[in-house]
Protein backbone atom coordinates (compact mmCIF):
# COMPACT_ATOMS: atom_id res chain seq x y z
CA MET A 1 11.23 80.04 215.94
CA ASP A 2 8.52 82.39 217.22
CA ASP A 3 7.71 85.04 214.68
CA ARG A 4 7.62 87.63 217.45
CA ILE A 5 11.15 86.90 218.45
CA GLU A 6 12.25 87.12 214.86
CA ALA A 7 10.43 90.39 214.49
CA TRP A 8 12.05 91.86 217.63
CA ALA A 9 15.53 90.84 216.69
CA THR A 10 15.06 92.16 213.13
CA ALA A 11 14.00 95.46 214.45
CA LEU A 12 16.79 95.60 216.91
CA LEU A 13 19.22 94.89 214.04
CA GLU A 14 17.84 97.80 211.99
CA ILE A 15 17.84 100.25 214.93
CA ALA A 16 21.45 99.32 215.87
CA ARG A 17 22.57 99.46 212.30
CA THR A 18 20.92 102.80 211.62
CA GLU A 19 22.42 104.42 214.61
CA GLY A 20 25.85 103.04 213.55
CA GLN A 21 26.50 101.25 216.82
CA LEU A 22 25.77 97.70 215.76
CA ALA A 23 28.98 96.12 217.17
CA GLU A 24 28.81 97.75 220.52
CA VAL A 25 25.06 97.29 221.07
CA GLU A 26 25.28 93.59 220.00
CA ASP A 27 28.19 92.99 222.56
CA GLU A 28 26.50 94.83 225.37
CA LEU A 29 23.00 93.18 224.72
CA PHE A 30 24.70 89.72 224.59
CA ARG A 31 26.41 90.31 227.94
CA PHE A 32 23.22 91.60 229.54
CA ALA A 33 21.07 88.69 228.27
CA ARG A 34 23.59 86.22 229.72
CA ILE A 35 23.44 88.02 233.05
CA VAL A 36 19.53 87.88 232.96
CA GLU A 37 19.68 84.14 232.02
CA GLY A 38 21.95 83.38 234.95
CA ASN A 39 20.05 85.28 237.68
CA ASP A 40 16.67 83.74 238.44
CA ALA A 41 15.52 86.76 240.67
CA LEU A 42 16.41 89.19 237.87
CA ARG A 43 14.68 87.25 235.15
CA VAL A 44 11.49 87.05 237.38
CA ALA A 45 11.64 90.88 238.08
CA LEU A 46 12.10 91.71 234.43
CA SER A 47 9.27 89.43 233.32
CA ASN A 48 6.72 89.94 235.99
CA PRO A 49 3.47 91.23 234.54
CA GLY A 50 2.33 92.39 237.97
CA GLN A 51 5.31 94.88 238.11
CA PRO A 52 4.50 98.19 236.37
CA ALA A 53 6.29 98.56 232.95
CA GLU A 54 8.05 101.61 234.17
CA ARG A 55 9.59 99.74 237.15
CA ARG A 56 10.76 96.82 234.87
CA ALA A 57 12.39 99.45 232.43
CA SER A 58 13.93 101.32 235.40
CA ILE A 59 15.62 98.08 236.77
CA VAL A 60 17.24 97.74 233.41
CA ASP A 61 18.31 101.35 233.31
CA GLU A 62 19.85 101.03 236.82
CA LEU A 63 21.76 97.86 235.93
CA LEU A 64 23.20 99.23 232.72
CA GLU A 65 23.82 102.89 233.73
CA ASN A 66 27.39 103.94 233.15
CA ARG A 67 28.13 100.42 231.76
CA SER A 68 26.50 100.56 228.40
CA LEU A 69 25.62 102.95 225.55
CA GLN A 70 22.34 104.87 226.00
CA LEU A 71 21.07 102.96 222.95
CA THR A 72 21.69 99.55 224.65
CA ARG A 73 19.95 100.72 227.69
CA ALA A 74 16.89 102.10 225.70
CA ILE A 75 16.58 98.84 223.74
CA ALA A 76 16.85 96.58 226.69
CA ALA A 77 14.32 98.85 228.81
CA PHE A 78 11.84 99.04 225.86
CA ILE A 79 11.95 95.10 225.54
CA VAL A 80 11.09 94.51 229.23
CA GLY A 81 8.78 97.52 229.38
CA ALA A 82 6.76 96.05 226.45
CA GLY A 83 6.30 92.97 228.51
CA ARG A 84 8.78 90.80 226.66
CA GLY A 85 11.30 90.32 229.47
CA HIS A 86 10.81 86.51 229.46
CA ASP A 87 11.87 86.58 225.77
CA LEU A 88 14.89 88.77 226.23
CA PRO A 89 17.52 86.19 226.00
CA ALA A 90 15.93 84.57 222.88
CA ILE A 91 15.43 88.04 221.25
CA VAL A 92 19.09 88.97 222.03
CA ALA A 93 20.38 85.51 220.76
CA ARG A 94 18.51 85.82 217.47
CA PHE A 95 19.68 89.50 217.22
CA VAL A 96 23.27 88.38 217.56
CA GLU A 97 22.81 85.65 214.94
CA LEU A 98 21.23 88.15 212.50
CA ALA A 99 24.10 90.66 213.06
CA ALA A 100 26.59 87.91 212.50
CA GLN A 101 24.78 86.76 209.36
CA SER A 102 24.83 90.34 208.04
CA ARG A 103 28.56 90.18 208.18
CA GLU A 104 28.50 86.67 206.77
CA HIS A 105 29.68 85.18 210.12
CA GLU A 106 28.43 82.48 212.50
CA VAL A 107 28.43 83.07 216.35
CA ALA A 108 30.10 80.75 218.69
CA GLU A 109 29.22 81.06 222.28
CA VAL A 110 32.30 79.98 224.26
CA ARG A 111 31.99 79.18 227.99
CA SER A 112 35.30 79.49 229.95
CA ALA A 113 36.09 79.23 233.61
CA VAL A 114 38.15 82.41 233.45
CA PRO A 115 38.07 85.61 231.31
CA LEU A 116 39.95 85.20 227.92
CA ASP A 117 42.14 87.97 226.33
CA ASP A 118 41.91 89.05 222.76
CA GLN A 119 44.67 86.76 221.54
CA GLN A 120 43.05 83.65 223.08
CA VAL A 121 39.74 84.60 221.60
CA ALA A 122 41.33 85.13 218.19
CA LYS A 123 43.01 81.66 218.47
CA ILE A 124 39.62 80.08 219.30
CA ALA A 125 37.91 81.75 216.48
CA ALA A 126 40.41 80.56 213.94
CA ALA A 127 40.34 77.03 215.30
CA LEU A 128 36.61 76.84 215.31
CA GLY A 129 36.62 78.49 211.82
CA ARG A 130 38.91 75.69 210.51
CA ALA A 131 36.80 73.02 212.16
CA THR A 132 33.44 74.22 210.83
CA LYS A 133 34.71 75.86 207.56
CA LYS A 134 32.78 79.06 208.45
CA ASN A 135 33.73 82.55 209.56
CA ILE A 136 33.29 82.52 213.31
CA GLU A 137 32.66 85.43 215.74
CA VAL A 138 33.28 84.34 219.48
CA ARG A 139 31.19 85.51 222.31
CA VAL A 140 32.75 84.64 225.55
CA VAL A 141 30.74 83.88 228.68
CA VAL A 142 32.62 83.37 231.91
CA ASP A 143 31.36 80.23 233.74
CA PRO A 144 33.03 79.54 237.01
CA THR A 145 31.35 76.25 237.33
CA LEU A 146 33.71 74.87 234.74
CA MET A 147 36.69 73.35 236.03
CA GLY A 148 38.92 74.40 233.21
CA GLY A 149 38.87 74.37 229.40
CA ILE A 150 35.98 75.71 227.35
CA VAL A 151 32.72 74.67 225.76
CA ALA A 152 31.92 76.01 222.39
CA THR A 153 28.46 76.21 220.89
CA ILE A 154 27.83 77.05 217.24
CA GLY A 155 24.26 76.69 216.37
CA ASP A 156 23.38 73.01 217.23
CA THR A 157 26.96 72.09 217.35
CA VAL A 158 28.63 71.72 220.81
CA ILE A 159 32.37 71.14 221.26
CA ASP A 160 33.26 70.30 224.72
CA GLY A 161 36.97 70.91 225.59
CA THR A 162 36.46 71.04 229.47
CA VAL A 163 38.56 69.32 231.88
CA ARG A 164 35.64 67.48 233.26
CA HIS A 165 34.68 66.12 229.75
CA ARG A 166 38.33 65.09 229.16
CA LEU A 167 38.34 63.19 232.59
CA GLU A 168 35.10 61.45 231.72
CA GLN A 169 36.58 60.33 228.30
CA LEU A 170 39.63 58.96 230.18
CA LYS A 171 37.46 57.25 232.67
CA GLU A 172 35.48 55.56 229.92
CA THR A 173 38.85 54.50 228.15
CA LEU A 174 40.05 52.79 231.22
């Protein structure tokens, strides 16, 4: 892993922890990083070195205004303003991992075609915990391209429970 990404993630962890807003900042940055990853135009705008740092930071502030904590907006704006917009998803991913590790948990990114309620998330966390023998924290990403089911990623492990994957397995069996 890039030492700069590790340094940024560690610094973010300390800032959020010191401010007493670790869980909220972690969740908000995770969701924002997924949005940036999924939007090419936004990713380019936030990482464009030809764009003034103030403009890149103001884009973040406009997107997150009234949707997140001031601390989350400040952190995200600082990252892109410092010219690390292209690293934002990686920095946030490592930050989320470090935050989970500080609670002695692992993070599972779960992609679902539809939003999941708290009860469904708890069931998924419990099932993944039993399967991996780890304490699991689930971060849900809604991915409308999935036909149904979920895909869970824990570190390098991918568990594909999508309808498409099950149909492919059935096709191979037949």
